[in-house]
Amino acid sequence: MRAKEAVRQRIRQLCDDNQLSLNGLAHKCGVTQSTLNNIVSGRNNSTTVSTIQKVCDGLDMDLATFFSGELFSRNEQEIR
């Protein structure tokens, strides 16, 4: 799995875990719903660490927690 797909799945997972819609997550973290929609739909090819940090802040978690787990441990190499 590529990092982009792992980030997409992680955001969906966090919404499910916290019983939030993308709109609810956007409201909690101060990121526009369109930004989150673009990330989750795959239209955004370069999600910034700053955006992920805002998601983490809104959910009271740190970046290490966001990137922990199986989704990120089995990523494909991005440089070929």
PDB file of N, CA and C in Angstrom:
ATOM      1  N   MET A   1       0.850  -1.176   0.000  1.00  0.00           N
ATOM      2  CA  MET A   1       0.000   0.000   0.000  1.00  0.00           C
ATOM      3  C   MET A   1       0.894   1.237   0.000  1.00  0.00           C
ATOM      4  N   ARG A   2       0.488   2.225  -0.742  1.00  0.00           N
ATOM      5  CA  ARG A   2       1.227   3.486  -0.807  1.00  0.00           C
ATOM      6  C   ARG A   2       0.786   4.383   0.351  1.00  0.00           C
ATOM      7  N   ALA A   3       1.638   5.315   0.717  1.00  0.00           N
ATOM      8  CA  ALA A   3       1.364   6.196   1.855  1.00  0.00           C
ATOM      9  C   ALA A   3       0.062   6.967   1.667  1.00  0.00           C
ATOM     10  N   LYS A   4      -0.190   7.425   0.448  1.00  0.00           N
ATOM     11  CA  LYS A   4      -1.411   8.185   0.164  1.00  0.00           C
ATOM     12  C   LYS A   4      -2.659   7.369   0.522  1.00  0.00           C
ATOM     13  N   GLU A   5      -2.675   6.108   0.138  1.00  0.00           N
ATOM     14  CA  GLU A   5      -3.822   5.243   0.438  1.00  0.00           C
ATOM     15  C   GLU A   5      -3.923   4.969   1.933  1.00  0.00           C
ATOM     16  N   ALA A   6      -2.789   4.814   2.597  1.00  0.00           N
ATOM     17  CA  ALA A   6      -2.792   4.577   4.044  1.00  0.00           C
ATOM     18  C   ALA A   6      -3.375   5.782   4.784  1.00  0.00           C
ATOM     19  N   VAL A   7      -3.018   6.993   4.357  1.00  0.00           N
ATOM     20  CA  VAL A   7      -3.563   8.203   4.983  1.00  0.00           C
ATOM     21  C   VAL A   7      -5.071   8.256   4.756  1.00  0.00           C
ATOM     22  N   ARG A   8      -5.511   7.961   3.544  1.00  0.00           N
ATOM     23  CA  ARG A   8      -6.947   7.946   3.246  1.00  0.00           C
ATOM     24  C   ARG A   8      -7.680   6.982   4.167  1.00  0.00           C
ATOM     25  N   GLN A   9      -7.172   5.769   4.267  1.00  0.00           N
ATOM     26  CA  GLN A   9      -7.824   4.763   5.106  1.00  0.00           C
ATOM     27  C   GLN A   9      -7.786   5.145   6.577  1.00  0.00           C
ATOM     28  N   ARG A  10      -6.680   5.739   7.020  1.00  0.00           N
ATOM     29  CA  ARG A  10      -6.552   6.125   8.428  1.00  0.00           C
ATOM     30  C   ARG A  10      -7.579   7.194   8.792  1.00  0.00           C
ATOM     31  N   ILE A  11      -7.776   8.159   7.906  1.00  0.00           N
ATOM     32  CA  ILE A  11      -8.763   9.205   8.189  1.00  0.00           C
ATOM     33  C   ILE A  11     -10.167   8.607   8.244  1.00  0.00           C
ATOM     34  N   ARG A  12     -10.478   7.719   7.318  1.00  0.00           N
ATOM     35  CA  ARG A  12     -11.783   7.044   7.366  1.00  0.00           C
ATOM     36  C   ARG A  12     -11.944   6.258   8.659  1.00  0.00           C
ATOM     37  N   GLN A  13     -10.882   5.544   9.052  1.00  0.00           N
ATOM     38  CA  GLN A  13     -10.897   4.744  10.277  1.00  0.00           C
ATOM     39  C   GLN A  13     -11.138   5.626  11.497  1.00  0.00           C
ATOM     40  N   LEU A  14     -10.458   6.759  11.551  1.00  0.00           N
ATOM     41  CA  LEU A  14     -10.628   7.669  12.685  1.00  0.00           C
ATOM     42  C   LEU A  14     -12.043   8.236  12.737  1.00  0.00           C
ATOM     43  N   CYS A  15     -12.620   8.536  11.577  1.00  0.00           N
ATOM     44  CA  CYS A  15     -14.021   8.990  11.546  1.00  0.00           C
ATOM     45  C   CYS A  15     -14.936   7.911  12.106  1.00  0.00           C
ATOM     46  N   ASP A  16     -14.736   6.677  11.661  1.00  0.00           N
ATOM     47  CA  ASP A  16     -15.560   5.570  12.165  1.00  0.00           C
ATOM     48  C   ASP A  16     -15.380   5.376  13.666  1.00  0.00           C
ATOM     49  N   ASP A  17     -14.116   5.366  14.113  1.00  0.00           N
ATOM     50  CA  ASP A  17     -13.817   5.144  15.530  1.00  0.00           C
ATOM     51  C   ASP A  17     -14.434   6.215  16.425  1.00  0.00           C
ATOM     52  N   ASN A  18     -14.510   7.444  15.901  1.00  0.00           N
ATOM     53  CA  ASN A  18     -15.021   8.569  16.687  1.00  0.00           C
ATOM     54  C   ASN A  18     -16.458   8.936  16.323  1.00  0.00           C
ATOM     55  N   GLN A  19     -17.088   8.082  15.520  1.00  0.00           N
ATOM     56  CA  GLN A  19     -18.466   8.292  15.083  1.00  0.00           C
ATOM     57  C   GLN A  19     -18.675   9.697  14.516  1.00  0.00           C
ATOM     58  N   LEU A  20     -17.766  10.055  13.575  1.00  0.00           N
ATOM     59  CA  LEU A  20     -17.805  11.370  12.948  1.00  0.00           C
ATOM     60  C   LEU A  20     -17.959  11.228  11.443  1.00  0.00           C
ATOM     61  N   SER A  21     -18.679  12.140  10.851  1.00  0.00           N
ATOM     62  CA  SER A  21     -18.680  12.265   9.402  1.00  0.00           C
ATOM     63  C   SER A  21     -17.437  13.081   9.027  1.00  0.00           C
ATOM     64  N   LEU A  22     -17.133  13.167   7.743  1.00  0.00           N
ATOM     65  CA  LEU A  22     -16.027  14.034   7.338  1.00  0.00           C
ATOM     66  C   LEU A  22     -16.317  15.487   7.717  1.00  0.00           C
ATOM     67  N   ASN A  23     -17.574  15.880   7.627  1.00  0.00           N
ATOM     68  CA  ASN A  23     -17.943  17.230   8.033  1.00  0.00           C
ATOM     69  C   ASN A  23     -17.697  17.437   9.519  1.00  0.00           C
ATOM     70  N   GLY A  24     -18.061  16.449  10.331  1.00  0.00           N
ATOM     71  CA  GLY A  24     -17.818  16.542  11.770  1.00  0.00           C
ATOM     72  C   GLY A  24     -16.336  16.612  12.096  1.00  0.00           C
ATOM     73  N   LEU A  25     -15.538  15.805  11.401  1.00  0.00           N
ATOM     74  CA  LEU A  25     -14.088  15.847  11.606  1.00  0.00           C
ATOM     75  C   LEU A  25     -13.537  17.201  11.184  1.00  0.00           C
ATOM     76  N   ALA A  26     -13.996  17.708  10.052  1.00  0.00           N
ATOM     77  CA  ALA A  26     -13.539  19.016   9.576  1.00  0.00           C
ATOM     78  C   ALA A  26     -13.822  20.088  10.619  1.00  0.00           C
ATOM     79  N   HIS A  27     -15.005  20.049  11.195  1.00  0.00           N
ATOM     80  CA  HIS A  27     -15.384  21.030  12.217  1.00  0.00           C
ATOM     81  C   HIS A  27     -14.473  20.930  13.451  1.00  0.00           C
ATOM     82  N   LYS A  28     -14.180  19.705  13.868  1.00  0.00           N
ATOM     83  CA  LYS A  28     -13.343  19.502  15.065  1.00  0.00           C
ATOM     84  C   LYS A  28     -11.897  19.942  14.861  1.00  0.00           C
ATOM     85  N   CYS A  29     -11.383  19.778  13.639  1.00  0.00           N
ATOM     86  CA  CYS A  29      -9.947  20.003  13.441  1.00  0.00           C
ATOM     87  C   CYS A  29      -9.615  21.286  12.691  1.00  0.00           C
ATOM     88  N   GLY A  30     -10.604  22.022  12.226  1.00  0.00           N
ATOM     89  CA  GLY A  30     -10.330  23.295  11.566  1.00  0.00           C
ATOM     90  C   GLY A  30      -9.783  23.149  10.149  1.00  0.00           C
ATOM     91  N   VAL A  31     -10.092  22.040   9.515  1.00  0.00           N
ATOM     92  CA  VAL A  31      -9.737  21.819   8.112  1.00  0.00           C
ATOM     93  C   VAL A  31     -11.045  21.841   7.341  1.00  0.00           C
ATOM     94  N   THR A  32     -11.030  22.380   6.145  1.00  0.00           N
ATOM     95  CA  THR A  32     -12.271  22.433   5.388  1.00  0.00           C
ATOM     96  C   THR A  32     -12.730  21.028   5.006  1.00  0.00           C
ATOM     97  N   GLN A  33     -14.046  20.884   4.894  1.00  0.00           N
ATOM     98  CA  GLN A  33     -14.596  19.596   4.494  1.00  0.00           C
ATOM     99  C   GLN A  33     -14.117  19.227   3.098  1.00  0.00           C
ATOM    100  N   SER A  34     -13.961  20.215   2.232  1.00  0.00           N
ATOM    101  CA  SER A  34     -13.504  19.914   0.872  1.00  0.00           C
ATOM    102  C   SER A  34     -12.086  19.356   0.879  1.00  0.00           C
ATOM    103  N   THR A  35     -11.245  19.846   1.778  1.00  0.00           N
ATOM    104  CA  THR A  35      -9.887  19.303   1.884  1.00  0.00           C
ATOM    105  C   THR A  35      -9.941  17.840   2.304  1.00  0.00           C
ATOM    106  N   LEU A  36     -10.721  17.539   3.320  1.00  0.00           N
ATOM    107  CA  LEU A  36     -10.838  16.147   3.766  1.00  0.00           C
ATOM    108  C   LEU A  36     -11.472  15.273   2.691  1.00  0.00           C
ATOM    109  N   ASN A  37     -12.491  15.785   2.003  1.00  0.00           N
ATOM    110  CA  ASN A  37     -13.101  15.030   0.907  1.00  0.00           C
ATOM    111  C   ASN A  37     -12.077  14.728  -0.186  1.00  0.00           C
ATOM    112  N   ASN A  38     -11.250  15.706  -0.521  1.00  0.00           N
ATOM    113  CA  ASN A  38     -10.230  15.509  -1.549  1.00  0.00           C
ATOM    114  C   ASN A  38      -9.190  14.475  -1.120  1.00  0.00           C
ATOM    115  N   ILE A  39      -8.835  14.469   0.141  1.00  0.00           N
ATOM    116  CA  ILE A  39      -7.875  13.479   0.639  1.00  0.00           C
ATOM    117  C   ILE A  39      -8.494  12.088   0.574  1.00  0.00           C
ATOM    118  N   VAL A  40      -9.677  11.953   1.141  1.00  0.00           N
ATOM    119  CA  VAL A  40     -10.320  10.636   1.248  1.00  0.00           C
ATOM    120  C   VAL A  40     -10.707  10.085  -0.129  1.00  0.00           C
ATOM    121  N   SER A  41     -11.060  10.949  -1.055  1.00  0.00           N
ATOM    122  CA  SER A  41     -11.457  10.489  -2.394  1.00  0.00           C
ATOM    123  C   SER A  41     -10.255  10.213  -3.291  1.00  0.00           C
ATOM    124  N   GLY A  42      -9.070  10.674  -2.884  1.00  0.00           N
ATOM    125  CA  GLY A  42      -7.879  10.454  -3.692  1.00  0.00           C
ATOM    126  C   GLY A  42      -7.571  11.577  -4.662  1.00  0.00           C
ATOM    127  N   ARG A  43      -8.365  12.639  -4.646  1.00  0.00           N
ATOM    128  CA  ARG A  43      -8.092  13.774  -5.535  1.00  0.00           C
ATOM    129  C   ARG A  43      -6.893  14.590  -5.067  1.00  0.00           C
ATOM    130  N   ASN A  44      -6.584  14.523  -3.783  1.00  0.00           N
ATOM    131  CA  ASN A  44      -5.424  15.230  -3.238  1.00  0.00           C
ATOM    132  C   ASN A  44      -4.250  14.261  -3.232  1.00  0.00           C
ATOM    133  N   ASN A  45      -3.231  14.559  -4.014  1.00  0.00           N
ATOM    134  CA  ASN A  45      -2.079  13.661  -4.128  1.00  0.00           C
ATOM    135  C   ASN A  45      -0.940  14.004  -3.180  1.00  0.00           C
ATOM    136  N   SER A  46      -1.072  15.087  -2.433  1.00  0.00           N
ATOM    137  CA  SER A  46       0.037  15.485  -1.565  1.00  0.00           C
ATOM    138  C   SER A  46      -0.470  16.089  -0.263  1.00  0.00           C
ATOM    139  N   THR A  47      -1.051  15.273   0.565  1.00  0.00           N
ATOM    140  CA  THR A  47      -1.527  15.722   1.875  1.00  0.00           C
ATOM    141  C   THR A  47      -0.335  16.188   2.694  1.00  0.00           C
ATOM    142  N   THR A  48      -0.445  17.349   3.304  1.00  0.00           N
ATOM    143  CA  THR A  48       0.672  17.891   4.068  1.00  0.00           C
ATOM    144  C   THR A  48       0.662  17.372   5.505  1.00  0.00           C
ATOM    145  N   VAL A  49       1.821  17.380   6.099  1.00  0.00           N
ATOM    146  CA  VAL A  49       1.931  17.005   7.507  1.00  0.00           C
ATOM    147  C   VAL A  49       1.143  18.008   8.354  1.00  0.00           C
ATOM    148  N   SER A  50       1.107  19.242   7.930  1.00  0.00           N
ATOM    149  CA  SER A  50       0.350  20.261   8.647  1.00  0.00           C
ATOM    150  C   SER A  50      -1.138  19.911   8.706  1.00  0.00           C
ATOM    151  N   THR A  51      -1.688  19.422   7.612  1.00  0.00           N
ATOM    152  CA  THR A  51      -3.094  19.011   7.594  1.00  0.00           C
ATOM    153  C   THR A  51      -3.319  17.810   8.504  1.00  0.00           C
ATOM    154  N   ILE A  52      -2.414  16.839   8.439  1.00  0.00           N
ATOM    155  CA  ILE A  52      -2.530  15.670   9.307  1.00  0.00           C
ATOM    156  C   ILE A  52      -2.394  16.079  10.773  1.00  0.00           C
ATOM    157  N   GLN A  53      -1.528  17.041  11.059  1.00  0.00           N
ATOM    158  CA  GLN A  53      -1.378  17.534  12.430  1.00  0.00           C
ATOM    159  C   GLN A  53      -2.679  18.162  12.917  1.00  0.00           C
ATOM    160  N   LYS A  54      -3.366  18.908  12.055  1.00  0.00           N
ATOM    161  CA  LYS A  54      -4.649  19.506  12.442  1.00  0.00           C
ATOM    162  C   LYS A  54      -5.687  18.427  12.752  1.00  0.00           C
ATOM    163  N   VAL A  55      -5.700  17.370  11.933  1.00  0.00           N
ATOM    164  CA  VAL A  55      -6.608  16.250  12.212  1.00  0.00           C
ATOM    165  C   VAL A  55      -6.279  15.657  13.574  1.00  0.00           C
ATOM    166  N   CYS A  56      -5.002  15.453  13.831  1.00  0.00           N
ATOM    167  CA  CYS A  56      -4.574  14.898  15.120  1.00  0.00           C
ATOM    168  C   CYS A  56      -4.966  15.812  16.274  1.00  0.00           C
ATOM    169  N   ASP A  57      -4.747  17.106  16.116  1.00  0.00           N
ATOM    170  CA  ASP A  57      -5.097  18.059  17.171  1.00  0.00           C
ATOM    171  C   ASP A  57      -6.597  18.010  17.479  1.00  0.00           C
ATOM    172  N   GLY A  58      -7.405  17.943  16.422  1.00  0.00           N
ATOM    173  CA  GLY A  58      -8.856  17.895  16.608  1.00  0.00           C
ATOM    174  C   GLY A  58      -9.316  16.636  17.318  1.00  0.00           C
ATOM    175  N   LEU A  59      -8.530  15.567  17.193  1.00  0.00           N
ATOM    176  CA  LEU A  59      -8.893  14.293  17.825  1.00  0.00           C
ATOM    177  C   LEU A  59      -8.068  14.011  19.077  1.00  0.00           C
ATOM    178  N   ASP A  60      -7.313  14.995  19.545  1.00  0.00           N
ATOM    179  CA  ASP A  60      -6.477  14.856  20.746  1.00  0.00           C
ATOM    180  C   ASP A  60      -5.531  13.661  20.643  1.00  0.00           C
ATOM    181  N   MET A  61      -4.825  13.573  19.515  1.00  0.00           N
ATOM    182  CA  MET A  61      -3.834  12.510  19.336  1.00  0.00           C
ATOM    183  C   MET A  61      -2.564  13.136  18.761  1.00  0.00           C
ATOM    184  N   ASP A  62      -1.467  12.420  18.865  1.00  0.00           N
ATOM    185  CA  ASP A  62      -0.230  12.928  18.288  1.00  0.00           C
ATOM    186  C   ASP A  62       0.040  12.256  16.940  1.00  0.00           C
ATOM    187  N   LEU A  63       1.003  12.799  16.216  1.00  0.00           N
ATOM    188  CA  LEU A  63       1.336  12.256  14.900  1.00  0.00           C
ATOM    189  C   LEU A  63       1.793  10.803  14.976  1.00  0.00           C
ATOM    190  N   ALA A  64       2.523  10.474  16.015  1.00  0.00           N
ATOM    191  CA  ALA A  64       3.012   9.093  16.161  1.00  0.00           C
ATOM    192  C   ALA A  64       1.841   8.123  16.244  1.00  0.00           C
ATOM    193  N   THR A  65       0.789   8.518  16.942  1.00  0.00           N
ATOM    194  CA  THR A  65      -0.397   7.665  17.042  1.00  0.00           C
ATOM    195  C   THR A  65      -1.093   7.558  15.693  1.00  0.00           C
ATOM    196  N   PHE A  66      -1.182   8.667  14.974  1.00  0.00           N
ATOM    197  CA  PHE A  66      -1.808   8.641  13.647  1.00  0.00           C
ATOM    198  C   PHE A  66      -1.090   7.643  12.740  1.00  0.00           C
ATOM    199  N   PHE A  67       0.236   7.671  12.765  1.00  0.00           N
ATOM    200  CA  PHE A  67       1.020   6.833  11.857  1.00  0.00           C
ATOM    201  C   PHE A  67       1.356   5.454  12.414  1.00  0.00           C
ATOM    202  N   SER A  68       0.891   5.151  13.617  1.00  0.00           N
ATOM    203  CA  SER A  68       1.168   3.829  14.168  1.00  0.00           C
ATOM    204  C   SER A  68       0.179   2.821  13.603  1.00  0.00           C
ATOM    205  N   GLY A  69       0.555   1.592  13.657  1.00  0.00           N
ATOM    206  CA  GLY A  69      -0.360   0.542  13.231  1.00  0.00           C
ATOM    207  C   GLY A  69      -0.017  -0.061  11.892  1.00  0.00           C
ATOM    208  N   GLU A  70      -0.788  -1.039  11.557  1.00  0.00           N
ATOM    209  CA  GLU A  70      -0.542  -1.871  10.382  1.00  0.00           C
ATOM    210  C   GLU A  70      -0.622  -1.112   9.059  1.00  0.00           C
ATOM    211  N   LEU A  71      -1.490  -0.128   8.963  1.00  0.00           N
ATOM    212  CA  LEU A  71      -1.634   0.606   7.703  1.00  0.00           C
ATOM    213  C   LEU A  71      -0.311   1.178   7.205  1.00  0.00           C
ATOM    214  N   PHE A  72       0.492   1.663   8.124  1.00  0.00           N
ATOM    215  CA  PHE A  72       1.739   2.318   7.730  1.00  0.00           C
ATOM    216  C   PHE A  72       2.951   1.402   7.821  1.00  0.00           C
ATOM    217  N   SER A  73       2.813   0.261   8.448  1.00  0.00           N
ATOM    218  CA  SER A  73       3.968  -0.634   8.589  1.00  0.00           C
ATOM    219  C   SER A  73       4.226  -1.459   7.339  1.00  0.00           C
ATOM    220  N   ARG A  74       3.259  -1.525   6.455  1.00  0.00           N
ATOM    221  CA  ARG A  74       3.435  -2.352   5.254  1.00  0.00           C
ATOM    222  C   ARG A  74       3.352  -1.538   3.966  1.00  0.00           C
ATOM    223  N   ASN A  75       3.774  -0.279   4.011  1.00  0.00           N
ATOM    224  CA  ASN A  75       3.749   0.584   2.837  1.00  0.00           C
ATOM    225  C   ASN A  75       4.787   0.167   1.812  1.00  0.00           C
ATOM    226  N   GLU A  76       4.433   0.400   0.563  1.00  0.00           N
ATOM    227  CA  GLU A  76       5.358   0.179  -0.536  1.00  0.00           C
ATOM    228  C   GLU A  76       6.388   1.298  -0.569  1.00  0.00           C
ATOM    229  N   GLN A  77       7.516   0.999  -1.160  1.00  0.00           N
ATOM    230  CA  GLN A  77       8.524   2.031  -1.349  1.00  0.00           C
ATOM    231  C   GLN A  77       7.995   3.049  -2.344  1.00  0.00           C
ATOM    232  N   GLU A  78       8.120   4.333  -2.032  1.00  0.00           N
ATOM    233  CA  GLU A  78       7.573   5.393  -2.889  1.00  0.00           C
ATOM    234  C   GLU A  78       8.535   5.792  -4.000  1.00  0.00           C
ATOM    235  N   ILE A  79       9.827   5.647  -3.770  1.00  0.00           N
ATOM    236  CA  ILE A  79      10.822   6.033  -4.769  1.00  0.00           C
ATOM    237  C   ILE A  79      11.222   4.794  -5.554  1.00  0.00           C
ATOM    238  N   ARG A  80      11.165   4.901  -6.855  1.00  0.00           N
ATOM    239  CA  ARG A  80      11.528   3.764  -7.709  1.00  0.00           C
ATOM    240  C   ARG A  80      12.538   4.171  -8.728  1.00  0.00           C
TER     241      ARG A  80
END
